[in-house]
Amino acid sequence: MKTNLADWLCRRVRCALWLLACALIPMSAVAGVAGVSAPVVVIPLKGAIGPASADFFVRSLARAADEHAQLAVLELDTPGGLDLSMRSIIQAILASPVPVAAFIAPSGARAASAGTYITYASHIAAMAPGTNLGAASPVQLGMGGPEREPSGAKPASGARAEPAEQSTETRKQMQDAAAYIRGLAQLRGRNVQWAERAVREAVALSATEALEQKVIDMTANDVPDLLAKLDGRHVKTASGDHVLATKQAPLVVLQPDWRSRFLATITDPSVALILMMIGMYGLFFEFANPGMVLPGVAGAICLLVGLFALQLLPISFVGLGLILLGMGFLVAEMFLPTFGSLGIGGIIAFAIGALMLIDTDVPGFGIPVGLVVGLALFTALFVFTVSGVALRARKRPVVSGGEAMLGSIGVMLTSEGASADAANGWARVQGERWRVRSTSPDALPGEGARVRVISRHGLTLTVEPLQGEREPGHS
């Protein structure tokens, strides 16, 4: 009896312990999950800001939102970029549910021109020691137009006044850029006066000066130092208020994928120009030598990719038109007796068009003069070579069809006599029996004589004798 009671108590104790363990395991799992901070995403953005970098940042910020990141750190090092690409990045930041911290780093980096606007638009602005930002005038942004004279400057004696239309366009761009950065500064509570000076006077600041003038929120040595200083900070985004817990947060560094690298490669102005020229070379070679297929296929692909890249860039349509006009002149030189006038004009038009193609002075978006000269010379050599080969092919003797009979040598088989104006007979020409005639009654030779075909009329050949020549075996 005592043994049964002891067994019963043991079973009850084991059952209670098992139930307690089942209750405690989920609680410990929840506690473990709660103790892990949400990740911090680092998005490096280096070099000139263009369509590729804007696409990479927008997709990376969307990924950070999908992964419920608590902060996205935009690590900036840029000399500036294109206005449309900059505005795409800023629109993504303003609409992001994830706070964005613009961090100008590492030491020696800069956020000039478009980088200044992006820094002002970010929820948090920080700089590493030895960095700078500023110089945000519309000229550096690639908005086009002439450079604006400093405020109060007067034209030198004898200098030509700037056209009214040009001056008005410049003022519009300046006012638009100033209003844009002023609105960003007011939104983030940063120095509005200095923001306007950065646009109108192209001034710049170091990290220490920017912190003193409340252009940025803090300085940090690196990303871990920045996260330690941001721990516990309140940030307001499009989705509401956030409290950052970044001190022990895991870091996720995003790198450009194949799509971003491919887009960055083809949107380089030099690469886009080369792709377009390869496309023209391929199509020209295919049209000059129909049936080769591969040059035409490769040329069409390269031309479409090159034109896709150019439509993402600020191009001058006058420059593009000059390039096409130059190619047309080079092709026409092969068929018109202009003694080199069209060829030389085509090279000049192509070179000028290539230099004018990219309509911006933003660093990183120019086409080297050496590349333009090299492409112009190669284009002239290519067109002259391919056109010369095509013309020589057209001048070769015909080897098939009715025209191939002209000039052929035949052997007389029979002569049927002569009429008042011609002599008729039969001859073997190219292994076939043909009816032949001669315009002279005395000109048609006898059997075995060799004749040359001079014309064809339906199934009758007009021939002339070869003097002193007979087919072997005939006397």
Protein backbone atom coordinates (compact mmCIF):
# COMPACT_ATOMS: atom_id res chain seq x y z
CA MET A 1 0.00 0.00 0.00
CA LYS A 2 2.81 2.32 0.88
CA THR A 3 4.54 1.44 -2.37
CA ASN A 4 1.44 2.27 -4.44
CA LEU A 5 1.07 5.62 -2.68
CA ALA A 6 4.70 6.51 -3.29
CA ASP A 7 4.36 5.64 -7.00
CA TRP A 8 1.24 7.75 -7.28
CA LEU A 9 2.95 10.77 -5.68
CA CYS A 10 5.97 10.40 -7.99
CA ARG A 11 3.73 10.38 -11.06
CA ARG A 12 1.91 13.49 -9.86
CA VAL A 13 5.18 15.35 -9.24
CA ARG A 14 6.57 14.44 -12.66
CA CYS A 15 3.33 15.58 -14.32
CA ALA A 16 3.44 18.93 -12.47
CA LEU A 17 7.08 19.49 -13.44
CA TRP A 18 6.31 18.71 -17.08
CA LEU A 19 3.41 21.19 -17.14
CA LEU A 20 5.60 23.85 -15.52
CA ALA A 21 8.33 23.31 -18.12
CA CYS A 22 5.81 23.61 -20.96
CA ALA A 23 4.60 26.92 -19.51
CA LEU A 24 8.08 28.36 -18.97
CA ILE A 25 9.58 27.51 -22.41
CA PRO A 26 7.31 29.87 -24.45
CA MET A 27 7.83 32.63 -21.88
CA SER A 28 11.60 32.33 -22.13
CA ALA A 29 11.39 32.32 -25.94
CA VAL A 30 9.31 35.51 -25.91
CA ALA A 31 11.74 37.12 -23.49
CA GLY A 32 14.65 36.14 -25.72
CA VAL A 33 13.01 37.65 -28.79
CA ALA A 34 12.11 40.80 -26.93
CA GLY A 35 15.72 41.21 -25.81
CA VAL A 36 17.03 41.33 -29.41
CA SER A 37 16.93 44.80 -30.98
CA ALA A 38 15.68 45.35 -34.51
CA PRO A 39 18.50 45.54 -37.06
CA VAL A 40 20.15 48.68 -38.40
CA VAL A 41 20.64 48.78 -42.17
CA VAL A 42 23.72 50.56 -43.58
CA ILE A 43 23.39 51.82 -47.19
CA PRO A 44 26.70 53.03 -48.67
CA LEU A 45 26.35 55.70 -51.35
CA LYS A 46 29.66 56.68 -52.95
CA GLY A 47 30.46 58.60 -56.10
CA ALA A 48 28.29 60.78 -58.30
CA ILE A 49 24.56 60.44 -57.67
CA GLY A 50 22.80 59.22 -60.79
CA PRO A 51 19.99 56.91 -61.87
CA ALA A 52 21.82 53.78 -60.66
CA SER A 53 22.59 55.09 -57.16
CA ALA A 54 19.03 56.44 -56.80
CA ASP A 55 17.56 53.07 -57.80
CA PHE A 56 19.88 51.26 -55.36
CA PHE A 57 18.97 53.53 -52.45
CA VAL A 58 15.21 53.43 -53.06
CA ARG A 59 15.19 49.62 -53.26
CA SER A 60 17.45 49.32 -50.20
CA LEU A 61 15.20 51.59 -48.16
CA ALA A 62 12.16 49.52 -49.19
CA ARG A 63 14.02 46.39 -48.11
CA ALA A 64 14.81 47.98 -44.73
CA ALA A 65 11.10 48.66 -44.24
CA ASP A 66 10.20 45.07 -45.20
CA GLU A 67 12.71 43.71 -42.68
CA HIS A 68 11.35 46.04 -39.94
CA ALA A 69 14.69 47.75 -39.44
CA GLN A 70 14.69 50.42 -36.75
CA LEU A 71 17.16 52.69 -38.61
CA ALA A 72 18.74 53.09 -42.05
CA VAL A 73 22.19 54.69 -42.07
CA LEU A 74 23.00 56.36 -45.38
CA GLU A 75 26.80 56.48 -45.54
CA LEU A 76 27.49 59.39 -47.91
CA ASP A 77 30.59 60.28 -49.91
CA THR A 78 29.59 62.15 -53.06
CA PRO A 79 30.70 65.14 -55.13
CA GLY A 80 27.09 65.73 -56.18
CA GLY A 81 24.87 64.38 -58.89
CA LEU A 82 21.83 64.82 -61.06
CA ASP A 83 18.80 66.78 -59.89
CA LEU A 84 16.20 64.12 -60.78
CA SER A 85 18.15 61.33 -59.06
CA MET A 86 18.61 63.48 -55.95
CA ARG A 87 14.89 64.24 -55.77
CA SER A 88 14.05 60.53 -56.09
CA ILE A 89 16.25 59.80 -53.06
CA ILE A 90 14.77 62.67 -51.04
CA GLN A 91 11.19 61.62 -51.84
CA ALA A 92 11.99 58.09 -50.65
CA ILE A 93 13.45 59.48 -47.38
CA LEU A 94 10.46 61.74 -46.70
CA ALA A 95 7.99 58.88 -47.27
CA SER A 96 10.01 56.23 -45.41
CA PRO A 97 8.55 54.62 -42.29
CA VAL A 98 12.14 53.80 -41.27
CA PRO A 99 14.21 56.69 -39.86
CA VAL A 100 17.16 57.63 -42.09
CA ALA A 101 20.45 58.90 -40.69
CA ALA A 102 22.70 60.58 -43.26
CA PHE A 103 26.28 59.98 -42.13
CA ILE A 104 29.02 61.71 -44.13
CA ALA A 105 31.88 59.25 -43.67
CA PRO A 106 34.61 58.08 -43.53
CA SER A 107 37.06 60.87 -42.73
CA GLY A 108 37.96 62.71 -45.92
CA ALA A 109 34.52 62.18 -47.47
CA ARG A 110 32.21 64.97 -48.60
CA ALA A 111 28.55 65.59 -49.33
CA ALA A 112 28.68 68.37 -51.89
CA SER A 113 25.85 69.66 -54.05
CA ALA A 114 23.13 66.95 -54.13
CA GLY A 115 24.63 65.37 -51.01
CA THR A 116 23.83 68.54 -49.03
CA TYR A 117 20.15 68.34 -49.97
CA ILE A 118 20.02 64.65 -49.00
CA THR A 119 21.67 65.41 -45.66
CA TYR A 120 19.12 68.13 -44.92
CA ALA A 121 16.25 65.80 -45.88
CA SER A 122 17.35 62.96 -43.58
CA HIS A 123 15.81 62.51 -40.14
CA ILE A 124 19.26 62.56 -38.55
CA ALA A 125 22.37 64.29 -39.96
CA ALA A 126 25.86 63.35 -38.81
CA MET A 127 29.44 63.81 -40.02
CA ALA A 128 32.76 62.15 -39.34
CA PRO A 129 35.77 64.32 -38.46
CA GLY A 130 37.58 65.64 -41.52
CA THR A 131 34.50 65.72 -43.77
CA ASN A 132 32.63 68.62 -45.37
CA LEU A 133 29.33 69.51 -47.02
CA GLY A 134 27.91 72.40 -49.02
CA ALA A 135 28.29 73.99 -52.49
CA ALA A 136 24.70 73.22 -53.46
CA SER A 137 24.07 75.71 -56.29
CA PRO A 138 21.96 74.62 -59.30
CA VAL A 139 25.05 74.54 -61.55
CA GLN A 140 26.61 71.81 -59.41
CA LEU A 141 23.27 69.98 -59.40
CA GLY A 142 23.26 69.52 -63.15
CA MET A 143 20.15 71.62 -63.68
CA GLY A 144 21.75 73.37 -66.63
CA GLY A 145 21.96 77.05 -67.34
CA PRO A 146 24.89 79.42 -67.00
CA GLU A 147 26.74 80.07 -63.80
CA ARG A 148 25.27 82.90 -61.75
CA GLU A 149 27.36 85.90 -60.89
CA PRO A 150 27.81 86.57 -57.14
CA SER A 151 25.21 88.86 -55.63
CA GLY A 152 25.93 92.48 -56.35
CA ALA A 153 28.55 91.76 -59.00
CA LYS A 154 28.56 94.03 -62.02
CA PRO A 155 29.78 93.22 -65.51
CA ALA A 156 33.22 94.49 -66.33
CA SER A 157 33.62 97.53 -68.53
CA GLY A 158 32.95 96.62 -72.12
CA ALA A 159 31.59 93.19 -71.19
CA ARG A 160 28.57 91.96 -73.05
CA ALA A 161 25.37 91.84 -70.99
CA GLU A 162 23.80 88.44 -70.40
CA PRO A 163 20.65 87.81 -72.49
CA ALA A 164 17.43 88.46 -70.62
CA GLU A 165 16.06 84.94 -71.31
CA GLN A 166 19.21 83.30 -69.99
CA SER A 167 19.24 85.44 -66.85
CA THR A 168 15.57 84.68 -66.19
CA GLU A 169 16.19 80.95 -66.51
CA THR A 170 19.08 81.16 -64.07
CA ARG A 171 17.00 83.08 -61.53
CA LYS A 172 14.20 80.52 -61.79
CA GLN A 173 16.58 77.65 -61.11
CA MET A 174 18.19 79.49 -58.21
CA GLN A 175 14.86 80.34 -56.59
CA ASP A 176 13.59 76.79 -57.04
CA ALA A 177 16.71 75.26 -55.50
CA ALA A 178 16.73 77.74 -52.61
CA ALA A 179 13.07 77.13 -51.82
CA TYR A 180 13.59 73.37 -51.96
CA ILE A 181 16.45 73.27 -49.45
CA ARG A 182 14.76 75.90 -47.29
CA GLY A 183 11.70 73.68 -46.99
CA LEU A 184 13.87 70.70 -46.03
CA ALA A 185 15.68 72.76 -43.39
CA GLN A 186 12.39 73.94 -41.86
CA LEU A 187 11.04 70.37 -41.87
CA ARG A 188 14.02 69.03 -39.93
CA GLY A 189 14.60 72.13 -37.75
CA ARG A 190 18.08 72.87 -39.12
CA ASN A 191 19.88 76.08 -40.05
CA VAL A 192 17.75 77.70 -42.77
CA GLN A 193 20.00 80.70 -43.40
CA TRP A 194 23.09 78.62 -44.07
CA ALA A 195 21.09 76.28 -46.32
CA GLU A 196 20.17 79.23 -48.56
CA ARG A 197 23.79 80.44 -48.58
CA ALA A 198 24.92 76.97 -49.70
CA VAL A 199 22.63 77.34 -52.71
CA ARG A 200 23.10 81.01 -53.57
CA GLU A 201 26.78 81.42 -52.68
CA ALA A 202 28.02 77.80 -52.94
CA VAL A 203 29.59 77.91 -49.45
CA ALA A 204 30.75 74.78 -47.59
CA LEU A 205 31.36 73.75 -43.97
CA SER A 206 33.60 71.32 -42.11
CA ALA A 207 32.15 68.85 -39.61
CA THR A 208 32.94 71.05 -36.59
CA GLU A 209 31.53 74.18 -38.18
CA ALA A 210 28.40 72.33 -39.31
CA LEU A 211 27.75 71.13 -35.77
CA GLU A 212 28.27 74.62 -34.33
CA GLN A 213 25.86 76.19 -36.83
CA LYS A 214 23.22 73.47 -36.30
CA VAL A 215 23.45 72.20 -39.84
CA ILE A 216 23.92 68.65 -38.52
CA ASP A 217 22.85 66.92 -35.33
CA MET A 218 26.10 65.29 -34.23
CA THR A 219 29.55 64.06 -35.17
CA ALA A 220 30.75 60.46 -34.89
CA ASN A 221 33.96 58.60 -35.66
CA ASP A 222 32.30 55.64 -37.38
CA VAL A 223 28.99 53.77 -37.64
CA PRO A 224 29.26 51.94 -34.26
CA ASP A 225 30.05 55.28 -32.56
CA LEU A 226 27.06 56.86 -34.32
CA LEU A 227 24.73 54.07 -33.17
CA ALA A 228 25.93 54.41 -29.59
CA LYS A 229 25.15 58.15 -29.63
CA LEU A 230 21.73 57.59 -31.20
CA ASP A 231 20.58 55.06 -28.57
CA GLY A 232 17.37 56.26 -26.93
CA ARG A 233 16.80 59.11 -29.40
CA HIS A 234 13.21 59.99 -30.43
CA VAL A 235 12.66 60.29 -34.19
CA LYS A 236 9.47 61.23 -36.03
CA THR A 237 8.85 59.62 -39.43
CA ALA A 238 5.96 59.28 -41.86
CA SER A 239 4.69 56.31 -39.81
CA GLY A 240 4.90 58.03 -36.42
CA ASP A 241 7.34 58.46 -33.53
CA HIS A 242 10.18 55.99 -32.96
CA VAL A 243 12.54 55.44 -30.06
CA LEU A 244 15.88 54.06 -31.24
CA ALA A 245 17.58 51.21 -29.40
CA THR A 246 20.77 51.09 -31.44
CA LYS A 247 23.48 50.45 -28.87
CA GLN A 248 23.54 46.66 -29.31
CA ALA A 249 21.58 46.45 -32.56
CA PRO A 250 22.85 44.07 -35.28
CA LEU A 251 24.25 45.75 -38.38
CA VAL A 252 23.22 44.76 -41.92
CA VAL A 253 25.38 46.35 -44.63
CA LEU A 254 23.73 46.34 -48.07
CA GLN A 255 25.84 46.26 -51.22
CA PRO A 256 24.75 46.98 -54.82
CA ASP A 257 23.41 43.87 -56.55
CA TRP A 258 23.88 42.91 -60.22
CA ARG A 259 21.02 45.15 -61.30
CA SER A 260 22.51 48.22 -59.65
CA ARG A 261 26.00 47.44 -60.97
CA PHE A 262 24.65 46.90 -64.50
CA LEU A 263 22.65 50.14 -64.39
CA ALA A 264 25.67 52.01 -63.02
CA THR A 265 27.81 50.68 -65.88
CA ILE A 266 25.51 51.51 -68.77
CA THR A 267 24.54 54.95 -67.40
CA ASP A 268 28.16 56.04 -67.48
CA PRO A 269 28.05 58.58 -70.35
CA SER A 270 31.18 57.14 -71.98
CA VAL A 271 29.78 53.58 -71.89
CA ALA A 272 26.39 54.75 -73.19
CA LEU A 273 28.07 56.51 -76.12
CA ILE A 274 30.21 53.45 -76.91
CA LEU A 275 27.15 51.16 -76.79
CA MET A 276 25.27 53.43 -79.16
CA MET A 277 28.20 53.50 -81.58
CA ILE A 278 28.61 49.70 -81.46
CA GLY A 279 24.91 49.44 -82.28
CA MET A 280 25.34 51.72 -85.28
CA TYR A 281 28.43 49.80 -86.43
CA GLY A 282 26.57 46.48 -86.23
CA LEU A 283 23.50 47.69 -88.12
CA PHE A 284 25.62 49.43 -90.76
CA PHE A 285 27.68 46.26 -91.28
CA GLU A 286 24.50 44.17 -91.55
CA PHE A 287 22.92 46.50 -94.12
CA ALA A 288 26.14 46.61 -96.15
CA ASN A 289 26.44 42.79 -96.06
CA PRO A 290 22.90 41.35 -95.73
CA GLY A 291 22.54 37.84 -94.37
CA MET A 292 25.29 37.83 -91.72
CA VAL A 293 22.62 38.22 -88.95
CA LEU A 294 25.01 38.33 -85.95
CA PRO A 295 26.19 41.94 -86.50
CA GLY A 296 22.59 43.05 -86.91
CA VAL A 297 21.38 41.27 -83.75
CA ALA A 298 24.30 42.49 -81.62
CA GLY A 299 24.00 45.98 -83.07
CA ALA A 300 20.27 46.24 -82.35
CA ILE A 301 20.75 45.10 -78.73
CA CYS A 302 23.64 47.51 -78.08
CA LEU A 303 21.79 50.40 -79.72
CA LEU A 304 18.65 49.87 -77.62
CA VAL A 305 20.64 49.51 -74.38
CA GLY A 306 22.64 52.63 -75.22
CA LEU A 307 19.50 54.65 -75.99
CA PHE A 308 17.88 53.39 -72.76
CA ALA A 309 20.91 54.63 -70.80
CA LEU A 310 20.90 57.99 -72.59
CA GLN A 311 17.24 58.62 -71.81
CA LEU A 312 18.13 58.37 -68.10
CA LEU A 313 20.84 61.02 -68.49
CA PRO A 314 20.57 64.77 -69.13
CA ILE A 315 21.45 64.69 -72.83
CA SER A 316 21.43 67.42 -75.46
CA PHE A 317 19.27 66.43 -78.42
CA VAL A 318 21.31 68.78 -80.59
CA GLY A 319 24.40 66.73 -79.72
CA LEU A 320 22.60 63.47 -80.47
CA GLY A 321 21.38 64.88 -83.78
CA LEU A 322 24.92 65.92 -84.73
CA ILE A 323 26.18 62.38 -84.02
CA LEU A 324 23.53 60.86 -86.30
CA LEU A 325 24.19 63.52 -88.95
CA GLY A 326 27.91 62.76 -88.85
CA MET A 327 27.26 59.05 -89.35
CA GLY A 328 25.00 59.86 -92.30
CA PHE A 329 27.68 62.03 -93.91
CA LEU A 330 30.29 59.28 -93.54
CA VAL A 331 28.02 56.73 -95.22
CA ALA A 332 27.08 59.15 -98.02
CA GLU A 333 30.78 59.81 -98.72
CA MET A 334 31.08 56.28 -100.08
CA PHE A 335 28.39 56.77 -102.70
CA LEU A 336 28.71 60.41 -103.73
CA PRO A 337 31.74 61.96 -105.49
CA THR A 338 32.37 64.74 -102.96
CA PHE A 339 36.16 64.22 -102.80
CA GLY A 340 36.16 63.87 -99.00
CA SER A 341 33.92 66.85 -98.18
CA LEU A 342 31.12 64.74 -96.67
CA GLY A 343 33.62 62.49 -94.88
CA ILE A 344 35.45 65.36 -93.20
CA GLY A 345 32.15 67.05 -92.37
CA GLY A 346 30.86 63.80 -90.87
CA ILE A 347 33.89 63.44 -88.59
CA ILE A 348 33.57 67.05 -87.41
CA ALA A 349 29.82 66.73 -86.81
CA PHE A 350 30.30 63.49 -84.87
CA ALA A 351 33.06 64.95 -82.67
CA ILE A 352 31.10 68.11 -81.84
CA GLY A 353 27.93 66.11 -81.15
CA ALA A 354 29.76 63.74 -78.78
CA LEU A 355 31.22 66.68 -76.84
CA MET A 356 27.77 68.29 -76.57
CA LEU A 357 25.90 65.04 -75.82
CA ILE A 358 25.82 65.27 -72.00
CA ASP A 359 24.14 68.52 -70.96
CA THR A 360 25.60 68.92 -67.45
CA ASP A 361 28.83 69.87 -65.71
CA VAL A 362 28.29 67.52 -62.76
CA PRO A 363 31.52 65.65 -61.88
CA GLY A 364 31.46 62.06 -63.11
CA PHE A 365 29.07 62.67 -66.01
CA GLY A 366 31.40 64.07 -68.66
CA ILE A 367 32.78 62.38 -71.79
CA PRO A 368 36.60 62.53 -72.10
CA VAL A 369 37.91 64.38 -75.14
CA GLY A 370 40.32 61.51 -75.85
CA LEU A 371 37.42 59.07 -76.12
CA VAL A 372 35.60 61.38 -78.54
CA VAL A 373 38.68 61.70 -80.77
CA GLY A 374 39.27 57.95 -80.70
CA LEU A 375 35.65 57.15 -81.57
CA ALA A 376 35.63 59.70 -84.40
CA LEU A 377 38.75 58.22 -86.00
CA PHE A 378 37.58 54.64 -85.51
CA THR A 379 34.15 55.48 -86.93
CA ALA A 380 35.67 57.01 -90.06
CA LEU A 381 37.99 54.02 -90.52
CA PHE A 382 35.17 51.52 -89.95
CA VAL A 383 32.71 53.19 -92.33
CA PHE A 384 35.29 53.63 -95.10
CA THR A 385 36.48 50.01 -94.75
CA VAL A 386 33.03 48.40 -94.68
CA SER A 387 31.69 50.60 -97.49
CA GLY A 388 34.76 49.87 -99.62
CA VAL A 389 34.29 46.12 -99.17
CA ALA A 390 30.61 46.43 -100.09
CA LEU A 391 31.38 48.44 -103.24
CA ARG A 392 34.03 45.97 -104.37
CA ALA A 393 31.54 43.14 -103.88
CA ARG A 394 29.02 44.91 -106.09
CA LYS A 395 31.58 45.26 -108.88
CA ARG A 396 32.41 41.54 -109.02
CA PRO A 397 31.20 39.61 -112.09
CA VAL A 398 27.78 38.00 -111.84
CA VAL A 399 28.10 34.23 -111.39
CA SER A 400 24.43 33.21 -111.50
CA GLY A 401 21.28 34.06 -113.45
CA GLY A 402 20.86 35.19 -117.03
CA GLU A 403 23.52 37.89 -116.76
CA ALA A 404 26.13 35.22 -116.03
CA MET A 405 25.88 34.15 -119.72
CA LEU A 406 27.38 37.40 -120.96
CA GLY A 407 31.03 36.93 -121.93
CA SER A 408 30.79 33.11 -121.76
CA ILE A 409 32.70 31.04 -124.33
CA GLY A 410 30.80 28.46 -126.39
CA VAL A 411 31.46 25.97 -129.24
CA MET A 412 29.49 26.01 -132.45
CA LEU A 413 27.53 22.81 -133.15
CA THR A 414 25.71 23.62 -136.40
CA SER A 415 25.13 26.59 -138.61
CA GLU A 416 21.72 26.88 -140.26
CA GLY A 417 22.65 29.48 -142.82
CA ALA A 418 22.13 33.20 -142.96
CA SER A 419 19.28 35.55 -143.69
CA ALA A 420 19.55 39.04 -145.04
CA ASP A 421 20.47 40.55 -141.69
CA ALA A 422 21.67 37.69 -139.44
CA ALA A 423 23.16 34.20 -139.28
CA ASN A 424 21.61 31.47 -137.09
CA GLY A 425 22.84 28.22 -135.62
CA TRP A 426 23.30 26.13 -132.48
CA ALA A 427 26.15 26.18 -129.97
CA ARG A 428 27.09 24.55 -126.67
CA VAL A 429 27.50 27.22 -123.95
CA GLN A 430 28.23 26.28 -120.32
CA GLY A 431 27.33 22.65 -121.11
CA GLU A 432 23.93 23.51 -122.56
CA ARG A 433 22.63 23.64 -126.15
CA TRP A 434 21.62 27.17 -127.11
CA ARG A 435 20.26 28.74 -130.26
CA VAL A 436 22.71 31.41 -131.40
CA ARG A 437 22.72 34.14 -133.95
CA SER A 438 25.11 36.72 -135.30
CA THR A 439 24.18 40.19 -136.47
CA SER A 440 26.51 39.80 -139.44
CA PRO A 441 25.63 37.18 -142.11
CA ASP A 442 29.29 36.28 -142.56
CA ALA A 443 30.23 36.41 -138.87
CA LEU A 444 28.85 33.03 -137.65
CA PRO A 445 31.69 30.45 -137.88
CA GLY A 446 31.36 26.79 -138.68
CA GLU A 447 31.15 23.68 -136.50
CA GLY A 448 33.79 23.45 -133.78
CA ALA A 449 34.64 27.15 -133.75
CA ARG A 450 34.63 29.01 -130.47
CA VAL A 451 32.34 31.98 -129.95
CA ARG A 452 31.75 34.55 -127.21
CA VAL A 453 28.28 35.53 -125.97
CA ILE A 454 27.69 39.29 -126.23
CA SER A 455 23.97 39.49 -125.44
CA ARG A 456 20.89 37.42 -124.72
CA HIS A 457 17.33 37.77 -125.99
CA GLY A 458 15.07 35.21 -124.39
CA LEU A 459 16.38 31.78 -125.40
CA THR A 460 18.59 33.10 -128.18
CA LEU A 461 22.19 34.21 -127.66
CA THR A 462 23.95 36.74 -129.83
CA VAL A 463 27.57 35.67 -130.31
CA GLU A 464 30.74 36.75 -132.02
CA PRO A 465 33.53 34.48 -133.22
CA LEU A 466 36.90 34.17 -131.53
CA GLN A 467 39.31 34.53 -134.42
CA GLY A 468 41.76 31.67 -134.97
CA GLU A 469 40.40 29.49 -132.16
CA ARG A 470 38.75 26.07 -132.59
CA GLU A 471 37.68 23.46 -130.11
CA PRO A 472 40.24 20.60 -129.85
CA GLY A 473 39.15 17.57 -131.94
CA HIS A 474 37.67 19.68 -134.75
CA SER A 475 39.54 20.54 -137.96
